[in-house]
Amino acid sequence: MVTFVNKLTVHGDIDTFLEVKSRLTAYMSAQPGYIGHQALRHLGDERVFLELAMWQDASSHQQAVRSEEFQILVKDLAPLATPEPGLYRTVEKSPDVR
């Protein structure tokens, strides 16, 4: 399993950003290898979001983001937010976390 982590700093309209993010999430959640996700919003700065998405493997995530449909959807995000994405693998977790 891998985790996609994306810090998004919104510089456009937040409501429009949330709509675009919702469309992207709907698309990604329907892709092979997608396990689940969590979206977080910074308590001290409402324009900063953190997306965590779990995937079965890196190749499943890469296939999803290389698709033509994803490329069309993600273009709407560029004028609204600056992303800082990356794929991570777990190196340590507490015993009570699955």
PDB file of N, CA and C in Angstrom:
ATOM      1  N   MET A   1       0.840  -1.182   0.000  1.00  0.00           N
ATOM      2  CA  MET A   1       0.000   0.000   0.000  1.00  0.00           C
ATOM      3  C   MET A   1       0.887   1.247   0.000  1.00  0.00           C
ATOM      4  N   VAL A   2       0.434   2.284  -0.710  1.00  0.00           N
ATOM      5  CA  VAL A   2       1.107   3.578  -0.699  1.00  0.00           C
ATOM      6  C   VAL A   2       0.078   4.650  -0.359  1.00  0.00           C
ATOM      7  N   THR A   3       0.570   5.771   0.132  1.00  0.00           N
ATOM      8  CA  THR A   3      -0.301   6.895   0.464  1.00  0.00           C
ATOM      9  C   THR A   3       0.126   8.097  -0.358  1.00  0.00           C
ATOM     10  N   PHE A   4      -0.843   8.671  -1.057  1.00  0.00           N
ATOM     11  CA  PHE A   4      -0.614   9.902  -1.803  1.00  0.00           C
ATOM     12  C   PHE A   4      -0.931  11.048  -0.857  1.00  0.00           C
ATOM     13  N   VAL A   5       0.017  11.946  -0.659  1.00  0.00           N
ATOM     14  CA  VAL A   5      -0.162  13.100   0.224  1.00  0.00           C
ATOM     15  C   VAL A   5      -0.051  14.350  -0.640  1.00  0.00           C
ATOM     16  N   ASN A   6      -1.032  15.233  -0.520  1.00  0.00           N
ATOM     17  CA  ASN A   6      -1.020  16.459  -1.313  1.00  0.00           C
ATOM     18  C   ASN A   6      -1.434  17.632  -0.430  1.00  0.00           C
ATOM     19  N   LYS A   7      -0.503  18.548  -0.211  1.00  0.00           N
ATOM     20  CA  LYS A   7      -0.814  19.791   0.479  1.00  0.00           C
ATOM     21  C   LYS A   7      -1.267  20.783  -0.582  1.00  0.00           C
ATOM     22  N   LEU A   8      -2.437  21.366  -0.383  1.00  0.00           N
ATOM     23  CA  LEU A   8      -2.990  22.319  -1.344  1.00  0.00           C
ATOM     24  C   LEU A   8      -3.204  23.656  -0.653  1.00  0.00           C
ATOM     25  N   THR A   9      -2.566  24.690  -1.181  1.00  0.00           N
ATOM     26  CA  THR A   9      -2.758  26.039  -0.665  1.00  0.00           C
ATOM     27  C   THR A   9      -3.642  26.778  -1.662  1.00  0.00           C
ATOM     28  N   VAL A  10      -4.824  27.155  -1.201  1.00  0.00           N
ATOM     29  CA  VAL A  10      -5.818  27.771  -2.074  1.00  0.00           C
ATOM     30  C   VAL A  10      -5.537  29.264  -2.194  1.00  0.00           C
ATOM     31  N   HIS A  11      -5.481  29.746  -3.427  1.00  0.00           N
ATOM     32  CA  HIS A  11      -5.318  31.183  -3.668  1.00  0.00           C
ATOM     33  C   HIS A  11      -6.490  31.722  -4.476  1.00  0.00           C
ATOM     34  N   GLY A  12      -7.423  30.850  -4.826  1.00  0.00           N
ATOM     35  CA  GLY A  12      -8.646  31.254  -5.516  1.00  0.00           C
ATOM     36  C   GLY A  12      -9.830  31.151  -4.580  1.00  0.00           C
ATOM     37  N   ASP A  13     -11.021  31.101  -5.141  1.00  0.00           N
ATOM     38  CA  ASP A  13     -12.250  30.982  -4.363  1.00  0.00           C
ATOM     39  C   ASP A  13     -12.328  29.601  -3.705  1.00  0.00           C
ATOM     40  N   ILE A  14     -12.507  29.557  -2.398  1.00  0.00           N
ATOM     41  CA  ILE A  14     -12.498  28.289  -1.668  1.00  0.00           C
ATOM     42  C   ILE A  14     -13.686  27.416  -2.063  1.00  0.00           C
ATOM     43  N   ASP A  15     -14.871  27.980  -2.244  1.00  0.00           N
ATOM     44  CA  ASP A  15     -16.028  27.174  -2.629  1.00  0.00           C
ATOM     45  C   ASP A  15     -15.823  26.530  -3.997  1.00  0.00           C
ATOM     46  N   THR A  16     -15.269  27.258  -4.928  1.00  0.00           N
ATOM     47  CA  THR A  16     -14.975  26.702  -6.253  1.00  0.00           C
ATOM     48  C   THR A  16     -13.921  25.610  -6.136  1.00  0.00           C
ATOM     49  N   PHE A  17     -12.902  25.852  -5.321  1.00  0.00           N
ATOM     50  CA  PHE A  17     -11.874  24.841  -5.073  1.00  0.00           C
ATOM     51  C   PHE A  17     -12.502  23.554  -4.542  1.00  0.00           C
ATOM     52  N   LEU A  18     -13.400  23.675  -3.562  1.00  0.00           N
ATOM     53  CA  LEU A  18     -14.032  22.493  -2.979  1.00  0.00           C
ATOM     54  C   LEU A  18     -14.866  21.729  -4.007  1.00  0.00           C
ATOM     55  N   GLU A  19     -15.502  22.433  -4.918  1.00  0.00           N
ATOM     56  CA  GLU A  19     -16.261  21.775  -5.987  1.00  0.00           C
ATOM     57  C   GLU A  19     -15.333  21.003  -6.917  1.00  0.00           C
ATOM     58  N   VAL A  20     -14.242  21.619  -7.318  1.00  0.00           N
ATOM     59  CA  VAL A  20     -13.270  20.954  -8.197  1.00  0.00           C
ATOM     60  C   VAL A  20     -12.662  19.751  -7.484  1.00  0.00           C
ATOM     61  N   LYS A  21     -12.294  19.930  -6.227  1.00  0.00           N
ATOM     62  CA  LYS A  21     -11.708  18.844  -5.440  1.00  0.00           C
ATOM     63  C   LYS A  21     -12.686  17.688  -5.328  1.00  0.00           C
ATOM     64  N   SER A  22     -13.957  17.985  -5.175  1.00  0.00           N
ATOM     65  CA  SER A  22     -14.982  16.949  -5.080  1.00  0.00           C
ATOM     66  C   SER A  22     -15.074  16.131  -6.374  1.00  0.00           C
ATOM     67  N   ARG A  23     -14.992  16.801  -7.521  1.00  0.00           N
ATOM     68  CA  ARG A  23     -15.022  16.087  -8.808  1.00  0.00           C
ATOM     69  C   ARG A  23     -13.784  15.197  -8.966  1.00  0.00           C
ATOM     70  N   LEU A  24     -12.633  15.725  -8.566  1.00  0.00           N
ATOM     71  CA  LEU A  24     -11.403  14.931  -8.640  1.00  0.00           C
ATOM     72  C   LEU A  24     -11.476  13.712  -7.716  1.00  0.00           C
ATOM     73  N   THR A  25     -11.991  13.911  -6.512  1.00  0.00           N
ATOM     74  CA  THR A  25     -12.122  12.807  -5.560  1.00  0.00           C
ATOM     75  C   THR A  25     -13.063  11.743  -6.091  1.00  0.00           C
ATOM     76  N   ALA A  26     -14.186  12.151  -6.677  1.00  0.00           N
ATOM     77  CA  ALA A  26     -15.138  11.194  -7.243  1.00  0.00           C
ATOM     78  C   ALA A  26     -14.482  10.368  -8.343  1.00  0.00           C
ATOM     79  N   TYR A  27     -13.720  11.022  -9.191  1.00  0.00           N
ATOM     80  CA  TYR A  27     -13.028  10.310 -10.266  1.00  0.00           C
ATOM     81  C   TYR A  27     -12.014   9.324  -9.687  1.00  0.00           C
ATOM     82  N   MET A  28     -11.157   9.806  -8.797  1.00  0.00           N
ATOM     83  CA  MET A  28     -10.095   8.959  -8.260  1.00  0.00           C
ATOM     84  C   MET A  28     -10.656   7.776  -7.473  1.00  0.00           C
ATOM     85  N   SER A  29     -11.732   7.986  -6.733  1.00  0.00           N
ATOM     86  CA  SER A  29     -12.282   6.901  -5.916  1.00  0.00           C
ATOM     87  C   SER A  29     -12.869   5.772  -6.762  1.00  0.00           C
ATOM     88  N   ALA A  30     -13.112   6.020  -8.035  1.00  0.00           N
ATOM     89  CA  ALA A  30     -13.639   4.988  -8.932  1.00  0.00           C
ATOM     90  C   ALA A  30     -12.535   4.238  -9.678  1.00  0.00           C
ATOM     91  N   GLN A  31     -11.275   4.591  -9.432  1.00  0.00           N
ATOM     92  CA  GLN A  31     -10.167   3.986 -10.176  1.00  0.00           C
ATOM     93  C   GLN A  31      -9.680   2.694  -9.524  1.00  0.00           C
ATOM     94  N   PRO A  32      -9.221   1.740 -10.354  1.00  0.00           N
ATOM     95  CA  PRO A  32      -8.658   0.499  -9.813  1.00  0.00           C
ATOM     96  C   PRO A  32      -7.467   0.786  -8.897  1.00  0.00           C
ATOM     97  N   GLY A  33      -7.431   0.112  -7.764  1.00  0.00           N
ATOM     98  CA  GLY A  33      -6.332   0.275  -6.816  1.00  0.00           C
ATOM     99  C   GLY A  33      -6.582   1.299  -5.731  1.00  0.00           C
ATOM    100  N   TYR A  34      -7.643   2.109  -5.885  1.00  0.00           N
ATOM    101  CA  TYR A  34      -7.971   3.126  -4.878  1.00  0.00           C
ATOM    102  C   TYR A  34      -8.537   2.427  -3.645  1.00  0.00           C
ATOM    103  N   ILE A  35      -8.065   2.800  -2.472  1.00  0.00           N
ATOM    104  CA  ILE A  35      -8.543   2.199  -1.223  1.00  0.00           C
ATOM    105  C   ILE A  35      -9.430   3.173  -0.447  1.00  0.00           C
ATOM    106  N   GLY A  36      -9.002   4.412  -0.293  1.00  0.00           N
ATOM    107  CA  GLY A  36      -9.769   5.397   0.463  1.00  0.00           C
ATOM    108  C   GLY A  36      -8.982   6.677   0.623  1.00  0.00           C
ATOM    109  N   HIS A  37      -9.630   7.680   1.199  1.00  0.00           N
ATOM    110  CA  HIS A  37      -8.935   8.960   1.371  1.00  0.00           C
ATOM    111  C   HIS A  37      -9.452   9.700   2.594  1.00  0.00           C
ATOM    112  N   GLN A  38      -8.723  10.736   2.937  1.00  0.00           N
ATOM    113  CA  GLN A  38      -9.097  11.645   4.022  1.00  0.00           C
ATOM    114  C   GLN A  38      -8.657  13.038   3.600  1.00  0.00           C
ATOM    115  N   ALA A  39      -9.512  14.017   3.827  1.00  0.00           N
ATOM    116  CA  ALA A  39      -9.181  15.415   3.544  1.00  0.00           C
ATOM    117  C   ALA A  39      -9.148  16.179   4.865  1.00  0.00           C
ATOM    118  N   LEU A  40      -8.098  16.971   5.037  1.00  0.00           N
ATOM    119  CA  LEU A  40      -7.918  17.747   6.270  1.00  0.00           C
ATOM    120  C   LEU A  40      -7.804  19.224   5.905  1.00  0.00           C
ATOM    121  N   ARG A  41      -8.281  20.073   6.827  1.00  0.00           N
ATOM    122  CA  ARG A  41      -8.167  21.516   6.636  1.00  0.00           C
ATOM    123  C   ARG A  41      -7.422  22.098   7.830  1.00  0.00           C
ATOM    124  N   HIS A  42      -6.434  22.919   7.547  1.00  0.00           N
ATOM    125  CA  HIS A  42      -5.582  23.512   8.578  1.00  0.00           C
ATOM    126  C   HIS A  42      -6.427  24.367   9.525  1.00  0.00           C
ATOM    127  N   LEU A  43      -6.234  24.195  10.824  1.00  0.00           N
ATOM    128  CA  LEU A  43      -6.995  24.966  11.812  1.00  0.00           C
ATOM    129  C   LEU A  43      -6.590  26.435  11.854  1.00  0.00           C
ATOM    130  N   GLY A  44      -5.328  26.718  11.602  1.00  0.00           N
ATOM    131  CA  GLY A  44      -4.844  28.094  11.694  1.00  0.00           C
ATOM    132  C   GLY A  44      -4.899  28.859  10.388  1.00  0.00           C
ATOM    133  N   ASP A  45      -5.070  28.152   9.269  1.00  0.00           N
ATOM    134  CA  ASP A  45      -5.095  28.801   7.966  1.00  0.00           C
ATOM    135  C   ASP A  45      -6.101  28.064   7.082  1.00  0.00           C
ATOM    136  N   GLU A  46      -7.296  28.596   6.949  1.00  0.00           N
ATOM    137  CA  GLU A  46      -8.385  27.917   6.240  1.00  0.00           C
ATOM    138  C   GLU A  46      -8.117  27.712   4.755  1.00  0.00           C
ATOM    139  N   ARG A  47      -7.046  28.276   4.233  1.00  0.00           N
ATOM    140  CA  ARG A  47      -6.714  28.106   2.812  1.00  0.00           C
ATOM    141  C   ARG A  47      -5.774  26.925   2.558  1.00  0.00           C
ATOM    142  N   VAL A  48      -5.374  26.228   3.622  1.00  0.00           N
ATOM    143  CA  VAL A  48      -4.458  25.106   3.481  1.00  0.00           C
ATOM    144  C   VAL A  48      -5.205  23.792   3.749  1.00  0.00           C
ATOM    145  N   PHE A  49      -5.117  22.886   2.777  1.00  0.00           N
ATOM    146  CA  PHE A  49      -5.762  21.577   2.859  1.00  0.00           C
ATOM    147  C   PHE A  49      -4.708  20.493   2.697  1.00  0.00           C
ATOM    148  N   LEU A  50      -4.983  19.342   3.272  1.00  0.00           N
ATOM    149  CA  LEU A  50      -4.115  18.187   3.127  1.00  0.00           C
ATOM    150  C   LEU A  50      -4.985  17.018   2.685  1.00  0.00           C
ATOM    151  N   GLU A  51      -4.620  16.410   1.571  1.00  0.00           N
ATOM    152  CA  GLU A  51      -5.324  15.243   1.049  1.00  0.00           C
ATOM    153  C   GLU A  51      -4.452  14.014   1.275  1.00  0.00           C
ATOM    154  N   LEU A  52      -5.045  12.965   1.831  1.00  0.00           N
ATOM    155  CA  LEU A  52      -4.352  11.696   2.020  1.00  0.00           C
ATOM    156  C   LEU A  52      -5.176  10.638   1.299  1.00  0.00           C
ATOM    157  N   ALA A  53      -4.589   9.947   0.336  1.00  0.00           N
ATOM    158  CA  ALA A  53      -5.308   8.915  -0.404  1.00  0.00           C
ATOM    159  C   ALA A  53      -4.494   7.630  -0.392  1.00  0.00           C
ATOM    160  N   MET A  54      -5.122   6.545   0.013  1.00  0.00           N
ATOM    161  CA  MET A  54      -4.443   5.261   0.074  1.00  0.00           C
ATOM    162  C   MET A  54      -4.719   4.484  -1.219  1.00  0.00           C
ATOM    163  N   TRP A  55      -3.653   3.921  -1.754  1.00  0.00           N
ATOM    164  CA  TRP A  55      -3.701   3.143  -2.993  1.00  0.00           C
ATOM    165  C   TRP A  55      -3.045   1.794  -2.761  1.00  0.00           C
ATOM    166  N   GLN A  56      -3.487   0.782  -3.511  1.00  0.00           N
ATOM    167  CA  GLN A  56      -2.884  -0.548  -3.374  1.00  0.00           C
ATOM    168  C   GLN A  56      -1.407  -0.523  -3.723  1.00  0.00           C
ATOM    169  N   ASP A  57      -1.047   0.265  -4.751  1.00  0.00           N
ATOM    170  CA  ASP A  57       0.348   0.360  -5.154  1.00  0.00           C
ATOM    171  C   ASP A  57       0.564   1.643  -5.958  1.00  0.00           C
ATOM    172  N   ALA A  58       1.817   2.003  -6.137  1.00  0.00           N
ATOM    173  CA  ALA A  58       2.160   3.240  -6.841  1.00  0.00           C
ATOM    174  C   ALA A  58       1.714   3.203  -8.295  1.00  0.00           C
ATOM    175  N   SER A  59       1.789   2.046  -8.935  1.00  0.00           N
ATOM    176  CA  SER A  59       1.415   1.987 -10.348  1.00  0.00           C
ATOM    177  C   SER A  59      -0.068   2.253 -10.558  1.00  0.00           C
ATOM    178  N   SER A  60      -0.921   1.841  -9.636  1.00  0.00           N
ATOM    179  CA  SER A  60      -2.355   2.142  -9.742  1.00  0.00           C
ATOM    180  C   SER A  60      -2.594   3.643  -9.683  1.00  0.00           C
ATOM    181  N   HIS A  61      -1.911   4.312  -8.763  1.00  0.00           N
ATOM    182  CA  HIS A  61      -2.046   5.765  -8.661  1.00  0.00           C
ATOM    183  C   HIS A  61      -1.525   6.440  -9.917  1.00  0.00           C
ATOM    184  N   GLN A  62      -0.369   6.023 -10.386  1.00  0.00           N
ATOM    185  CA  GLN A  62       0.220   6.625 -11.576  1.00  0.00           C
ATOM    186  C   GLN A  62      -0.674   6.448 -12.805  1.00  0.00           C
ATOM    187  N   GLN A  63      -1.276   5.278 -12.934  1.00  0.00           N
ATOM    188  CA  GLN A  63      -2.174   5.039 -14.059  1.00  0.00           C
ATOM    189  C   GLN A  63      -3.371   5.979 -13.997  1.00  0.00           C
ATOM    190  N   ALA A  64      -3.907   6.199 -12.808  1.00  0.00           N
ATOM    191  CA  ALA A  64      -5.065   7.086 -12.637  1.00  0.00           C
ATOM    192  C   ALA A  64      -4.718   8.528 -13.002  1.00  0.00           C
ATOM    193  N   VAL A  65      -3.564   9.015 -12.555  1.00  0.00           N
ATOM    194  CA  VAL A  65      -3.218  10.419 -12.821  1.00  0.00           C
ATOM    195  C   VAL A  65      -2.740  10.661 -14.250  1.00  0.00           C
ATOM    196  N   ARG A  66      -2.363   9.624 -14.941  1.00  0.00           N
ATOM    197  CA  ARG A  66      -1.936   9.771 -16.338  1.00  0.00           C
ATOM    198  C   ARG A  66      -3.098   9.712 -17.320  1.00  0.00           C
ATOM    199  N   SER A  67      -4.273   9.376 -16.834  1.00  0.00           N
ATOM    200  CA  SER A  67      -5.422   9.238 -17.723  1.00  0.00           C
ATOM    201  C   SER A  67      -5.839  10.596 -18.293  1.00  0.00           C
ATOM    202  N   GLU A  68      -6.417  10.558 -19.454  1.00  0.00           N
ATOM    203  CA  GLU A  68      -6.876  11.785 -20.115  1.00  0.00           C
ATOM    204  C   GLU A  68      -7.964  12.470 -19.290  1.00  0.00           C
ATOM    205  N   GLU A  69      -8.865  11.678 -18.711  1.00  0.00           N
ATOM    206  CA  GLU A  69      -9.949  12.259 -17.917  1.00  0.00           C
ATOM    207  C   GLU A  69      -9.407  13.013 -16.702  1.00  0.00           C
ATOM    208  N   PHE A  70      -8.438  12.432 -16.015  1.00  0.00           N
ATOM    209  CA  PHE A  70      -7.837  13.121 -14.872  1.00  0.00           C
ATOM    210  C   PHE A  70      -7.174  14.415 -15.319  1.00  0.00           C
ATOM    211  N   GLN A  71      -6.434  14.371 -16.417  1.00  0.00           N
ATOM    212  CA  GLN A  71      -5.741  15.562 -16.914  1.00  0.00           C
ATOM    213  C   GLN A  71      -6.724  16.692 -17.218  1.00  0.00           C
ATOM    214  N   ILE A  72      -7.890  16.353 -17.730  1.00  0.00           N
ATOM    215  CA  ILE A  72      -8.921  17.365 -18.001  1.00  0.00           C
ATOM    216  C   ILE A  72      -9.459  17.944 -16.690  1.00  0.00           C
ATOM    217  N   LEU A  73      -9.749  17.062 -15.726  1.00  0.00           N
ATOM    218  CA  LEU A  73     -10.299  17.510 -14.439  1.00  0.00           C
ATOM    219  C   LEU A  73      -9.305  18.358 -13.644  1.00  0.00           C
ATOM    220  N   VAL A  74      -8.039  17.971 -13.636  1.00  0.00           N
ATOM    221  CA  VAL A  74      -7.052  18.649 -12.795  1.00  0.00           C
ATOM    222  C   VAL A  74      -6.714  20.043 -13.324  1.00  0.00           C
ATOM    223  N   LYS A  75      -6.963  20.295 -14.598  1.00  0.00           N
ATOM    224  CA  LYS A  75      -6.695  21.632 -15.149  1.00  0.00           C
ATOM    225  C   LYS A  75      -7.524  22.708 -14.438  1.00  0.00           C
ATOM    226  N   ASP A  76      -8.699  22.343 -13.951  1.00  0.00           N
ATOM    227  CA  ASP A  76      -9.550  23.303 -13.235  1.00  0.00           C
ATOM    228  C   ASP A  76      -8.972  23.691 -11.881  1.00  0.00           C
ATOM    229  N   LEU A  77      -8.057  22.890 -11.372  1.00  0.00           N
ATOM    230  CA  LEU A  77      -7.465  23.150 -10.058  1.00  0.00           C
ATOM    231  C   LEU A  77      -6.351  24.204 -10.118  1.00  0.00           C
ATOM    232  N   ALA A  78      -5.634  24.264 -11.224  1.00  0.00           N
ATOM    233  CA  ALA A  78      -4.451  25.135 -11.340  1.00  0.00           C
ATOM    234  C   ALA A  78      -4.709  26.602 -10.995  1.00  0.00           C
ATOM    235  N   PRO A  79      -5.811  27.218 -11.463  1.00  0.00           N
ATOM    236  CA  PRO A  79      -6.004  28.627 -11.114  1.00  0.00           C
ATOM    237  C   PRO A  79      -6.489  28.849  -9.678  1.00  0.00           C
ATOM    238  N   LEU A  80      -6.771  27.762  -8.957  1.00  0.00           N
ATOM    239  CA  LEU A  80      -7.359  27.881  -7.624  1.00  0.00           C
ATOM    240  C   LEU A  80      -6.405  27.560  -6.483  1.00  0.00           C
ATOM    241  N   ALA A  81      -5.439  26.673  -6.723  1.00  0.00           N
ATOM    242  CA  ALA A  81      -4.598  26.204  -5.619  1.00  0.00           C
ATOM    243  C   ALA A  81      -3.226  25.771  -6.121  1.00  0.00           C
ATOM    244  N   THR A  82      -2.255  25.830  -5.212  1.00  0.00           N
ATOM    245  CA  THR A  82      -0.908  25.350  -5.486  1.00  0.00           C
ATOM    246  C   THR A  82      -0.738  24.001  -4.781  1.00  0.00           C
ATOM    247  N   PRO A  83      -0.519  22.931  -5.547  1.00  0.00           N
ATOM    248  CA  PRO A  83      -0.360  21.610  -4.936  1.00  0.00           C
ATOM    249  C   PRO A  83       1.095  21.304  -4.585  1.00  0.00           C
ATOM    250  N   GLU A  84       1.281  20.468  -3.579  1.00  0.00           N
ATOM    251  CA  GLU A  84       2.599  19.931  -3.212  1.00  0.00           C
ATOM    252  C   GLU A  84       2.406  18.428  -3.020  1.00  0.00           C
ATOM    253  N   PRO A  85       2.352  17.639  -4.129  1.00  0.00           N
ATOM    254  CA  PRO A  85       2.031  16.219  -4.047  1.00  0.00           C
ATOM    255  C   PRO A  85       3.237  15.307  -3.848  1.00  0.00           C
ATOM    256  N   GLY A  86       2.962  14.101  -3.346  1.00  0.00           N
ATOM    257  CA  GLY A  86       3.996  13.076  -3.236  1.00  0.00           C
ATOM    258  C   GLY A  86       3.401  11.743  -2.834  1.00  0.00           C
ATOM    259  N   LEU A  87       4.032  10.650  -3.260  1.00  0.00           N
ATOM    260  CA  LEU A  87       3.641   9.299  -2.861  1.00  0.00           C
ATOM    261  C   LEU A  87       4.556   8.839  -1.726  1.00  0.00           C
ATOM    262  N   TYR A  88       3.972   8.196  -0.733  1.00  0.00           N
ATOM    263  CA  TYR A  88       4.720   7.748   0.438  1.00  0.00           C
ATOM    264  C   TYR A  88       4.385   6.294   0.748  1.00  0.00           C
ATOM    265  N   ARG A  89       5.337   5.616   1.369  1.00  0.00           N
ATOM    266  CA  ARG A  89       5.063   4.281   1.894  1.00  0.00           C
ATOM    267  C   ARG A  89       5.230   4.339   3.406  1.00  0.00           C
ATOM    268  N   THR A  90       4.481   3.520   4.105  1.00  0.00           N
ATOM    269  CA  THR A  90       4.518   3.481   5.559  1.00  0.00           C
ATOM    270  C   THR A  90       5.819   2.842   6.038  1.00  0.00           C
ATOM    271  N   VAL A  91       6.476   3.497   6.965  1.00  0.00           N
ATOM    272  CA  VAL A  91       7.681   2.943   7.572  1.00  0.00           C
ATOM    273  C   VAL A  91       7.463   2.625   9.042  1.00  0.00           C
ATOM    274  N   GLU A  92       6.398   3.194   9.622  1.00  0.00           N
ATOM    275  CA  GLU A  92       6.103   2.951  11.030  1.00  0.00           C
ATOM    276  C   GLU A  92       4.672   3.343  11.299  1.00  0.00           C
ATOM    277  N   LYS A  93       3.988   2.577  12.159  1.00  0.00           N
ATOM    278  CA  LYS A  93       2.653   2.959  12.600  1.00  0.00           C
ATOM    279  C   LYS A  93       2.386   2.359  13.962  1.00  0.00           C
ATOM    280  N   SER A  94       1.480   2.972  14.710  1.00  0.00           N
ATOM    281  CA  SER A  94       1.157   2.452  16.034  1.00  0.00           C
ATOM    282  C   SER A  94       0.331   1.180  15.874  1.00  0.00           C
ATOM    283  N   PRO A  95       0.361   0.290  16.853  1.00  0.00           N
ATOM    284  CA  PRO A  95      -0.322  -0.990  16.748  1.00  0.00           C
ATOM    285  C   PRO A  95      -1.839  -0.887  16.543  1.00  0.00           C
ATOM    286  N   ASP A  96      -2.459   0.202  16.977  1.00  0.00           N
ATOM    287  CA  ASP A  96      -3.913   0.317  16.863  1.00  0.00           C
ATOM    288  C   ASP A  96      -4.374   0.906  15.520  1.00  0.00           C
ATOM    289  N   VAL A  97      -3.447   1.237  14.638  1.00  0.00           N
ATOM    290  CA  VAL A  97      -3.797   1.771  13.323  1.00  0.00           C
ATOM    291  C   VAL A  97      -3.735   0.632  12.319  1.00  0.00           C
ATOM    292  N   ARG A  98      -4.802   0.496  11.530  1.00  0.00           N
ATOM    293  CA  ARG A  98      -4.837  -0.603  10.540  1.00  0.00           C
ATOM    294  C   ARG A  98      -4.049  -0.279   9.321  1.00  0.00           C
TER     295      ARG A  98
END
